[in-house]
Amino acid sequence: GNLILADSNYEVLTLLRSHRDDAKGFAIMARHPYPIHTIRLRQAVSQEQLEAALESADEKQTLRGALNMSLPYGPAVADHCILAAGLSPQQQLKAKPLGPDQRQGLLAAVQAWEKWLDDCEDQAPKGYITYRRADEPKRGKKQSAEAPITPAQPIPASPAPDPGQPSGTNPSELAKKLEGIVYEDFDPLLLKQNEGLQKLEFETYDAALDEFYARIEGQQVERNQSQQEKAALAKLDRIKLDQGKRADDLERDAAEAESKAALIEYNLEAVDGAINAVREALASGLDWRELGQMIKAERRAGNPVAGLIDSLALDKNKITVVLENFLDEEVADDEAMTRPATKVELDLDFNAYANARIHYEKRKQHIVKQQKTVDANEKALKAAEKKAQQQLSQVRTKTAIQHVRKPLWFEKFNWFVTSENYLVISGRDAQQNELIVKRYLK
């Protein structure tokens, strides 16, 4: 966008943004004539112009693209007119050209828009702000078009009475009405593509603009605050989850060690038989590889001792056996009979009882470690909660500070910024003029 000040001969005196387009042969800058020949004047669209725009559409051009080229109002207005005519902006004109009735309907929609624009010269249009609830996701154009129509809710631009707006709304009622609302866009009329969105209605478009820009910055700050608070709480939840998982793992390891010790005790003879068989084979000088092959052969032959042995770890002097996971008195229990067997590691240097004691010792170690972990977790969790509360406090304090912007030093004077980015100030009275001379003119 730009703002240009020109004299009666359209020579640019000053402007916000200089622009040069060598391809089109014009430049917009100070002390240059404004390129009037590039101005696209607002003229009523005739049926011939509309027909020409539709007929000139190429293979890939949509109805939106063709109409946007004919109207000097932008794609949003083009969509509005197309939807008002009951058509789709995405319709491919070459693949599916418009019929006579559709063309007449589109022309009528464009003429209705132009009539509304003409009426704005005599009467200021109303203003509309589209919004969503803070807990709702931001909706795209397709979702907006498909959403149910929500009637606009009229509210004043500010709590104070205004001649051009309805009165009777006090500050507390207005704050309650706007609580949890996030502004998204503003328009001087209800565009068809926005009918499915929630809206606030204002008496004038100026009032809608004032309200939108007065609150949008604060809403952005509130959204940032909410995101930072969620991040801090999510981090605390991850710490709780991680610490809980560590304690649960140690508890599970302790229960597993106890279960393995009990299984050895309930299968003492079988465990001793497996340990002694491997010992005797090794003492006879049998090679480790040959021992493994022999156990496989005996297992296939139905030897119960070989059937217990699952694997060998002779480099560690250990073997792993498979023991049934049910108690003697539960043999008749169908559920106990279908439980999976458990693999238990045995040390060949010890008998069955000694191996059971080893697993009981592991259980004790896991319990002690679990208790230490729980105690450490409580301290760490308290520290994490304290840090999270500090972060939340800092976020809320910063947000509160941002809501009240500190005026800049020059705002107490009359001031403006030139297009060359110079600050110009003047006193509001004689006393301020003296202050400017004494303090700032050197």
Protein backbone atom coordinates (compact mmCIF):
# COMPACT_ATOMS: atom_id res chain seq x y z
CA GLY A 1 0.00 0.00 0.00
CA ASN A 2 0.96 3.64 -0.36
CA LEU A 3 -0.16 7.14 0.49
CA ILE A 4 0.63 9.89 -2.02
CA LEU A 5 0.27 13.67 -1.72
CA ALA A 6 0.15 15.48 -5.08
CA ASP A 7 -0.51 19.05 -6.19
CA SER A 8 -3.21 20.21 -8.64
CA ASN A 9 -1.06 19.08 -11.59
CA TYR A 10 -0.63 15.59 -10.07
CA GLU A 11 3.05 16.14 -9.34
CA VAL A 12 3.98 14.03 -6.32
CA LEU A 13 4.95 16.21 -3.35
CA THR A 14 5.59 13.39 -0.90
CA LEU A 15 4.67 9.74 -0.44
CA LEU A 16 5.19 6.85 1.93
CA ARG A 17 6.87 4.47 -0.51
CA SER A 18 8.73 5.17 -3.74
CA HIS A 19 8.24 2.71 -6.57
CA ARG A 20 9.82 2.29 -9.99
CA ASP A 21 8.74 -0.08 -12.76
CA ASP A 22 11.06 0.16 -15.78
CA ALA A 23 9.18 -2.59 -17.62
CA LYS A 24 5.99 -0.50 -17.63
CA GLY A 25 7.85 2.75 -18.01
CA PHE A 26 6.81 4.71 -14.93
CA ALA A 27 8.16 5.79 -11.56
CA ILE A 28 6.23 6.91 -8.48
CA MET A 29 8.47 9.16 -6.40
CA ALA A 30 8.69 12.69 -5.07
CA ARG A 31 8.97 15.56 -7.59
CA HIS A 32 7.78 13.30 -10.40
CA PRO A 33 4.43 13.46 -12.19
CA TYR A 34 2.00 10.80 -11.05
CA PRO A 35 1.46 8.27 -13.92
CA ILE A 36 -2.24 8.98 -14.40
CA HIS A 37 -2.33 6.73 -17.48
CA THR A 38 -1.79 3.72 -15.21
CA ILE A 39 -4.83 4.47 -13.04
CA ARG A 40 -7.58 1.89 -13.31
CA LEU A 41 -10.75 3.93 -13.04
CA ARG A 42 -13.86 2.49 -11.45
CA GLN A 43 -16.40 2.05 -14.19
CA ALA A 44 -19.57 0.01 -14.30
CA VAL A 45 -18.94 -3.42 -15.83
CA SER A 46 -20.99 -3.90 -18.97
CA GLN A 47 -22.33 -7.19 -20.28
CA GLU A 48 -19.92 -6.94 -23.21
CA GLN A 49 -16.91 -6.59 -20.89
CA LEU A 50 -18.02 -9.54 -18.82
CA GLU A 51 -18.64 -11.68 -21.90
CA ALA A 52 -15.20 -10.76 -23.27
CA ALA A 53 -13.51 -11.67 -19.99
CA LEU A 54 -15.23 -15.06 -19.88
CA GLU A 55 -14.50 -15.83 -23.51
CA SER A 56 -10.80 -14.87 -23.25
CA ALA A 57 -10.14 -17.30 -20.40
CA ASP A 58 -7.38 -19.81 -21.15
CA GLU A 59 -7.35 -23.56 -20.46
CA LYS A 60 -6.31 -23.27 -16.79
CA GLN A 61 -8.14 -20.07 -15.84
CA THR A 62 -10.92 -20.28 -13.29
CA LEU A 63 -14.03 -18.14 -13.00
CA ARG A 64 -12.36 -16.28 -10.12
CA GLY A 65 -9.33 -15.44 -12.28
CA ALA A 66 -11.41 -14.25 -15.23
CA LEU A 67 -13.69 -12.05 -13.12
CA ASN A 68 -10.77 -10.67 -11.11
CA MET A 69 -9.21 -9.47 -14.38
CA SER A 70 -12.43 -7.59 -15.24
CA LEU A 71 -13.13 -6.03 -11.84
CA PRO A 72 -10.67 -3.59 -10.26
CA TYR A 73 -11.62 -4.68 -6.75
CA GLY A 74 -9.48 -7.72 -6.00
CA PRO A 75 -10.12 -11.47 -5.64
CA ALA A 76 -12.21 -11.18 -2.46
CA VAL A 77 -14.89 -9.14 -4.23
CA ALA A 78 -14.71 -11.45 -7.24
CA ASP A 79 -15.40 -14.44 -4.98
CA HIS A 80 -18.27 -12.55 -3.33
CA CYS A 81 -19.96 -11.84 -6.66
CA ILE A 82 -19.46 -15.40 -7.94
CA LEU A 83 -20.90 -16.94 -4.77
CA ALA A 84 -23.79 -14.44 -4.80
CA ALA A 85 -24.61 -15.71 -8.30
CA GLY A 86 -24.65 -19.29 -7.01
CA LEU A 87 -21.46 -20.32 -8.85
CA SER A 88 -18.12 -21.78 -7.84
CA PRO A 89 -14.98 -19.57 -7.96
CA GLN A 90 -12.92 -22.65 -8.91
CA GLN A 91 -15.00 -23.52 -11.99
CA GLN A 92 -12.81 -24.09 -15.06
CA LEU A 93 -14.32 -21.96 -17.82
CA LYS A 94 -12.95 -23.94 -20.76
CA ALA A 95 -13.98 -27.30 -19.36
CA LYS A 96 -17.35 -26.05 -18.08
CA PRO A 97 -18.39 -22.71 -19.67
CA LEU A 98 -21.20 -20.65 -18.17
CA GLY A 99 -24.66 -20.81 -19.69
CA PRO A 100 -26.73 -17.72 -20.59
CA ASP A 101 -28.68 -17.75 -17.31
CA GLN A 102 -25.49 -18.14 -15.29
CA ARG A 103 -23.88 -15.21 -17.11
CA GLN A 104 -26.90 -13.03 -16.44
CA GLY A 105 -26.84 -14.05 -12.78
CA LEU A 106 -23.14 -13.19 -12.52
CA LEU A 107 -23.69 -9.80 -14.16
CA ALA A 108 -26.57 -9.09 -11.74
CA ALA A 109 -24.31 -9.97 -8.78
CA VAL A 110 -21.59 -7.62 -10.06
CA GLN A 111 -24.13 -4.84 -10.58
CA ALA A 112 -25.47 -5.37 -7.04
CA TRP A 113 -21.93 -4.96 -5.70
CA GLU A 114 -21.41 -1.77 -7.73
CA LYS A 115 -24.73 -0.36 -6.48
CA TRP A 116 -23.63 -1.01 -2.90
CA LEU A 117 -20.36 0.80 -3.67
CA ASP A 118 -22.25 3.78 -5.13
CA ASP A 119 -24.48 3.95 -2.05
CA CYS A 120 -21.39 4.29 0.13
CA GLU A 121 -20.88 7.80 -1.27
CA ASP A 122 -24.10 8.92 0.43
CA GLN A 123 -24.09 6.71 3.51
CA ALA A 124 -21.15 5.20 5.38
CA PRO A 125 -21.24 1.39 5.28
CA LYS A 126 -21.46 -0.77 8.35
CA GLY A 127 -18.43 -2.66 9.59
CA TYR A 128 -17.96 -6.36 10.29
CA ILE A 129 -15.20 -8.16 12.15
CA THR A 130 -14.91 -11.91 11.68
CA TYR A 131 -13.61 -13.79 14.69
CA ARG A 132 -13.18 -17.20 16.23
CA ARG A 133 -13.00 -18.49 19.76
CA ALA A 134 -9.49 -18.80 21.16
CA ASP A 135 -9.92 -22.57 21.60
CA GLU A 136 -11.03 -23.06 17.97
CA PRO A 137 -8.52 -23.79 15.17
CA LYS A 138 -8.06 -21.18 12.47
CA ARG A 139 -10.34 -22.04 9.56
CA GLY A 140 -9.37 -21.87 5.90
CA LYS A 141 -11.42 -20.44 3.07
CA LYS A 142 -12.99 -23.81 2.20
CA GLN A 143 -14.01 -24.45 5.81
CA SER A 144 -15.41 -20.93 6.09
CA ALA A 145 -17.59 -21.42 3.02
CA GLU A 146 -18.92 -24.75 4.31
CA ALA A 147 -19.50 -23.60 7.91
CA PRO A 148 -23.07 -22.91 9.10
CA ILE A 149 -24.22 -19.31 8.78
CA THR A 150 -23.92 -17.38 12.04
CA PRO A 151 -25.78 -14.05 12.25
CA ALA A 152 -23.65 -11.02 13.00
CA GLN A 153 -23.77 -9.77 16.59
CA PRO A 154 -24.10 -5.97 16.83
CA ILE A 155 -21.87 -4.30 19.41
CA PRO A 156 -20.57 -0.75 19.78
CA ALA A 157 -16.97 0.08 18.95
CA SER A 158 -16.26 1.23 22.50
CA PRO A 159 -18.01 1.30 25.87
CA ALA A 160 -18.49 5.08 25.68
CA PRO A 161 -21.62 6.37 23.92
CA ASP A 162 -21.05 7.45 20.34
CA PRO A 163 -23.48 9.34 18.11
CA GLY A 164 -22.91 6.94 15.23
CA GLN A 165 -23.23 3.75 17.27
CA PRO A 166 -25.66 2.11 19.70
CA SER A 167 -25.19 3.01 23.35
CA GLY A 168 -26.04 1.27 26.60
CA THR A 169 -23.15 -1.19 26.79
CA ASN A 170 -20.99 -0.68 29.84
CA PRO A 171 -17.30 -1.71 29.96
CA SER A 172 -17.91 -4.89 31.95
CA GLU A 173 -20.58 -6.13 29.51
CA LEU A 174 -18.32 -5.39 26.53
CA ALA A 175 -15.35 -7.16 28.13
CA LYS A 176 -17.53 -10.20 28.87
CA LYS A 177 -18.85 -10.25 25.29
CA LEU A 178 -15.31 -10.17 23.86
CA GLU A 179 -13.77 -12.65 26.31
CA GLY A 180 -12.03 -15.52 24.55
CA ILE A 181 -12.46 -13.96 21.08
CA VAL A 182 -9.67 -13.76 18.48
CA TYR A 183 -10.22 -11.23 15.68
CA GLU A 184 -9.31 -12.47 12.19
CA ASP A 185 -10.43 -9.94 9.57
CA PHE A 186 -12.67 -6.93 8.90
CA ASP A 187 -14.92 -5.90 6.00
CA PRO A 188 -17.35 -3.10 5.15
CA LEU A 189 -20.02 -5.62 4.10
CA LEU A 190 -20.86 -9.28 4.61
CA LEU A 191 -18.89 -11.10 1.92
CA LYS A 192 -20.55 -14.33 0.82
CA GLN A 193 -17.43 -16.39 1.52
CA ASN A 194 -17.47 -15.17 5.14
CA GLU A 195 -21.11 -15.92 5.88
CA GLY A 196 -20.18 -19.12 7.70
CA LEU A 197 -17.89 -17.28 10.10
CA GLN A 198 -18.79 -15.70 13.42
CA LYS A 199 -19.04 -11.93 13.12
CA LEU A 200 -19.38 -8.75 15.11
CA GLU A 201 -21.40 -5.92 13.53
CA PHE A 202 -20.58 -2.22 13.93
CA GLU A 203 -22.54 0.87 12.98
CA THR A 204 -19.72 2.14 10.74
CA TYR A 205 -16.70 0.69 8.98
CA ASP A 206 -14.48 3.22 10.79
CA ALA A 207 -15.76 1.89 14.10
CA ALA A 208 -14.90 -1.68 13.05
CA LEU A 209 -11.37 -0.59 12.08
CA ASP A 210 -10.90 1.23 15.38
CA GLU A 211 -12.05 -1.81 17.33
CA PHE A 212 -9.98 -4.27 15.28
CA TYR A 213 -6.68 -2.44 15.60
CA ALA A 214 -7.32 -1.41 19.20
CA ARG A 215 -7.58 -5.05 20.26
CA ILE A 216 -5.60 -7.10 17.76
CA GLU A 217 -2.24 -6.34 19.38
CA GLY A 218 -3.55 -7.26 22.83
CA GLN A 219 -5.03 -10.47 21.45
CA GLN A 220 -1.69 -11.38 19.89
CA VAL A 221 0.00 -10.83 23.25
CA GLU A 222 -2.63 -13.01 24.94
CA ARG A 223 -2.13 -15.77 22.34
CA ASN A 224 1.63 -15.65 22.90
CA GLN A 225 1.05 -15.83 26.64
CA SER A 226 -1.23 -18.84 26.23
CA GLN A 227 1.32 -20.62 24.03
CA GLN A 228 4.16 -19.95 26.49
CA GLU A 229 2.03 -21.15 29.41
CA LYS A 230 1.15 -24.33 27.52
CA ALA A 231 4.84 -24.89 26.71
CA ALA A 232 5.83 -24.49 30.37
CA LEU A 233 3.08 -26.85 31.58
CA ALA A 234 3.86 -29.37 28.82
CA LYS A 235 7.51 -29.43 29.90
CA LEU A 236 6.41 -30.09 33.49
CA ASP A 237 4.13 -32.90 32.31
CA ARG A 238 7.01 -34.48 30.35
CA ILE A 239 9.19 -34.40 33.48
CA LYS A 240 6.42 -36.05 35.52
CA LEU A 241 5.90 -38.70 32.85
CA ASP A 242 9.62 -39.45 32.54
CA GLN A 243 10.13 -39.72 36.29
CA GLY A 244 7.06 -41.89 36.69
CA LYS A 245 8.30 -44.17 33.92
CA ARG A 246 11.66 -44.63 35.65
CA ALA A 247 9.99 -45.61 38.93
CA ASP A 248 7.58 -47.96 37.12
CA ASP A 249 10.48 -49.62 35.28
CA LEU A 250 12.32 -50.30 38.53
CA GLU A 251 9.13 -51.64 40.14
CA ARG A 252 8.60 -53.93 37.16
CA ASP A 253 12.22 -55.14 37.32
CA ALA A 254 11.82 -55.91 41.04
CA ALA A 255 8.61 -57.89 40.40
CA GLU A 256 10.28 -59.73 37.52
CA ALA A 257 13.29 -60.68 39.69
CA GLU A 258 10.98 -61.95 42.44
CA SER A 259 8.97 -63.96 39.91
CA LYS A 260 12.13 -65.58 38.51
CA ALA A 261 13.37 -66.48 42.02
CA ALA A 262 10.00 -68.05 42.83
CA LEU A 263 10.03 -70.02 39.57
CA ILE A 264 13.46 -71.47 40.41
CA GLU A 265 12.20 -72.48 43.86
CA TYR A 266 9.15 -74.22 42.39
CA ASN A 267 11.31 -76.05 39.86
CA LEU A 268 14.34 -76.90 42.03
CA GLU A 269 14.95 -80.42 40.79
CA ALA A 270 14.54 -79.49 37.12
CA VAL A 271 16.84 -76.45 37.48
CA ASP A 272 19.51 -78.46 39.32
CA GLY A 273 19.23 -81.16 36.65
CA ALA A 274 19.87 -78.64 33.84
CA ILE A 275 22.81 -77.04 35.69
CA ASN A 276 24.42 -80.41 36.50
CA ALA A 277 23.92 -81.74 32.95
CA VAL A 278 25.76 -78.77 31.44
CA ARG A 279 28.49 -78.96 34.09
CA GLU A 280 29.09 -82.66 33.40
CA ALA A 281 29.21 -82.09 29.63
CA LEU A 282 31.77 -79.33 30.04
CA ALA A 283 33.81 -81.39 32.51
CA SER A 284 33.97 -84.23 29.97
CA GLY A 285 35.75 -81.85 27.59
CA LEU A 286 32.84 -81.43 25.20
CA ASP A 287 33.27 -78.49 22.82
CA TRP A 288 30.81 -75.56 23.27
CA ARG A 289 29.51 -75.93 19.72
CA GLU A 290 29.12 -79.69 20.11
CA LEU A 291 27.33 -79.14 23.43
CA GLY A 292 24.82 -76.85 21.75
CA GLN A 293 24.20 -79.37 18.98
CA MET A 294 23.78 -82.18 21.53
CA ILE A 295 21.19 -80.17 23.51
CA LYS A 296 19.19 -79.54 20.32
CA ALA A 297 19.29 -83.22 19.44
CA GLU A 298 18.19 -84.25 22.96
CA ARG A 299 15.42 -81.66 22.88
CA ARG A 300 14.08 -83.14 19.62
CA ALA A 301 14.29 -86.58 21.20
CA GLY A 302 12.04 -85.46 24.06
CA ASN A 303 14.63 -85.20 26.84
CA PRO A 304 12.90 -83.07 29.57
CA VAL A 305 16.19 -81.66 30.88
CA ALA A 306 17.31 -80.52 27.41
CA GLY A 307 13.79 -79.14 26.86
CA LEU A 308 14.31 -76.68 29.73
CA ILE A 309 17.49 -75.18 28.24
CA ASP A 310 16.74 -72.25 25.94
CA SER A 311 20.23 -70.90 25.19
CA LEU A 312 23.87 -71.05 26.31
CA ALA A 313 26.15 -68.14 27.30
CA LEU A 314 29.19 -70.23 28.24
CA ASP A 315 31.56 -67.29 27.81
CA LYS A 316 29.79 -65.82 30.86
CA ASN A 317 29.37 -69.24 32.49
CA LYS A 318 25.60 -68.89 32.29
CA ILE A 319 22.65 -70.62 30.70
CA THR A 320 19.02 -69.60 30.17
CA VAL A 321 16.21 -72.00 31.00
CA VAL A 322 12.49 -71.83 30.31
CA LEU A 323 10.29 -72.35 33.40
CA GLU A 324 6.53 -72.65 33.58
CA ASN A 325 4.87 -69.58 35.04
CA PHE A 326 2.30 -71.15 37.38
CA LEU A 327 2.25 -72.54 40.95
CA ASP A 328 1.79 -76.21 41.82
CA GLU A 329 -1.69 -75.66 43.21
CA GLU A 330 -2.75 -73.86 40.01
CA VAL A 331 -2.01 -76.73 37.63
CA ALA A 332 -5.67 -77.45 37.17
CA ASP A 333 -6.40 -73.82 36.45
CA ASP A 334 -7.00 -73.30 32.69
CA GLU A 335 -5.73 -69.72 32.90
CA ALA A 336 -2.53 -70.84 34.63
CA MET A 337 -1.97 -73.54 32.00
CA THR A 338 -2.14 -70.99 29.19
CA ARG A 339 0.29 -68.49 30.72
CA PRO A 340 3.53 -68.04 28.74
CA ALA A 341 6.72 -69.59 30.05
CA THR A 342 9.47 -67.36 31.48
CA LYS A 343 13.13 -67.32 30.52
CA VAL A 344 15.40 -67.35 33.59
CA GLU A 345 19.18 -66.86 33.51
CA LEU A 346 21.23 -69.22 35.73
CA ASP A 347 24.84 -69.06 36.89
CA LEU A 348 26.61 -72.44 36.48
CA ASP A 349 28.77 -71.72 39.52
CA PHE A 350 25.73 -72.02 41.81
CA ASN A 351 22.95 -74.52 42.40
CA ALA A 352 19.23 -73.79 42.12
CA TYR A 353 18.85 -72.33 45.64
CA ALA A 354 21.84 -70.04 45.19
CA ASN A 355 20.52 -68.83 41.83
CA ALA A 356 17.15 -68.09 43.49
CA ARG A 357 18.97 -66.02 46.14
CA ILE A 358 20.76 -64.09 43.39
CA HIS A 359 17.41 -63.07 41.90
CA TYR A 360 16.03 -62.19 45.34
CA GLU A 361 19.06 -59.95 45.85
CA LYS A 362 18.39 -58.28 42.53
CA ARG A 363 14.82 -57.66 43.69
CA LYS A 364 16.07 -55.96 46.85
CA GLN A 365 18.49 -53.84 44.83
CA HIS A 366 15.70 -52.75 42.50
CA ILE A 367 13.43 -51.85 45.44
CA VAL A 368 16.17 -49.80 47.11
CA LYS A 369 16.97 -48.08 43.81
CA GLN A 370 13.28 -47.46 43.18
CA GLN A 371 12.88 -45.77 46.56
CA LYS A 372 15.92 -43.59 45.93
CA THR A 373 14.54 -42.73 42.51
CA VAL A 374 11.14 -41.81 43.98
CA ASP A 375 12.79 -39.58 46.60
CA ALA A 376 15.00 -37.93 43.98
CA ASN A 377 12.01 -37.55 41.67
CA GLU A 378 10.02 -35.75 44.36
CA LYS A 379 12.83 -33.24 44.85
CA ALA A 380 13.32 -32.79 41.10
CA LEU A 381 9.57 -32.46 40.56
CA LYS A 382 9.27 -29.78 43.23
CA ALA A 383 12.16 -27.90 41.63
CA ALA A 384 10.57 -28.26 38.18
CA GLU A 385 7.17 -27.09 39.48
CA LYS A 386 8.81 -24.09 41.14
CA LYS A 387 10.63 -23.22 37.92
CA ALA A 388 7.44 -23.64 35.88
CA GLN A 389 5.55 -21.34 38.25
CA GLN A 390 8.35 -18.76 37.94
CA GLN A 391 8.16 -18.98 34.15
CA LEU A 392 4.37 -18.60 34.22
CA SER A 393 4.69 -15.63 36.56
CA GLN A 394 7.26 -13.99 34.26
CA VAL A 395 5.07 -14.59 31.20
CA ARG A 396 2.01 -13.07 32.90
CA THR A 397 4.00 -10.12 34.24
CA LYS A 398 5.50 -9.44 30.80
CA THR A 399 2.05 -9.66 29.22
CA ALA A 400 0.62 -7.22 31.74
CA ILE A 401 3.46 -4.81 31.02
CA GLN A 402 2.93 -5.09 27.26
CA HIS A 403 -0.76 -4.26 27.62
CA VAL A 404 0.19 -0.82 28.96
CA ARG A 405 2.58 0.62 26.37
CA LYS A 406 4.96 3.24 27.64
CA PRO A 407 4.59 6.41 25.52
CA LEU A 408 7.71 7.43 23.61
CA TRP A 409 9.43 10.65 24.63
CA PHE A 410 8.24 12.61 21.59
CA GLU A 411 4.58 11.64 21.90
CA LYS A 412 3.93 14.45 24.36
CA PHE A 413 4.59 16.87 21.47
CA ASN A 414 2.94 17.25 18.08
CA TRP A 415 4.90 14.89 15.85
CA PHE A 416 5.08 12.97 12.58
CA VAL A 417 7.65 10.96 10.58
CA THR A 418 8.61 12.07 7.07
CA SER A 419 8.98 9.78 4.07
CA GLU A 420 12.78 10.09 4.57
CA ASN A 421 12.25 8.70 8.09
CA TYR A 422 12.94 12.00 9.89
CA LEU A 423 11.06 12.75 13.10
CA VAL A 424 9.42 16.19 13.16
CA ILE A 425 8.17 17.62 16.47
CA SER A 426 6.54 20.86 17.58
CA GLY A 427 5.25 22.09 20.91
CA ARG A 428 1.61 21.98 21.82
CA ASP A 429 2.07 25.32 23.60
CA ALA A 430 4.73 28.01 24.22
CA GLN A 431 6.14 26.16 27.21
CA GLN A 432 6.72 22.99 25.17
CA ASN A 433 8.38 25.05 22.43
CA GLU A 434 10.85 26.44 24.96
CA LEU A 435 11.48 22.92 26.25
CA ILE A 436 12.23 21.68 22.72
CA VAL A 437 14.67 24.53 22.11
CA LYS A 438 16.51 24.04 25.40
CA ARG A 439 16.64 20.25 25.41
CA TYR A 440 16.72 19.10 21.80
CA LEU A 441 18.04 21.95 19.62
CA LYS A 442 21.82 22.12 19.72
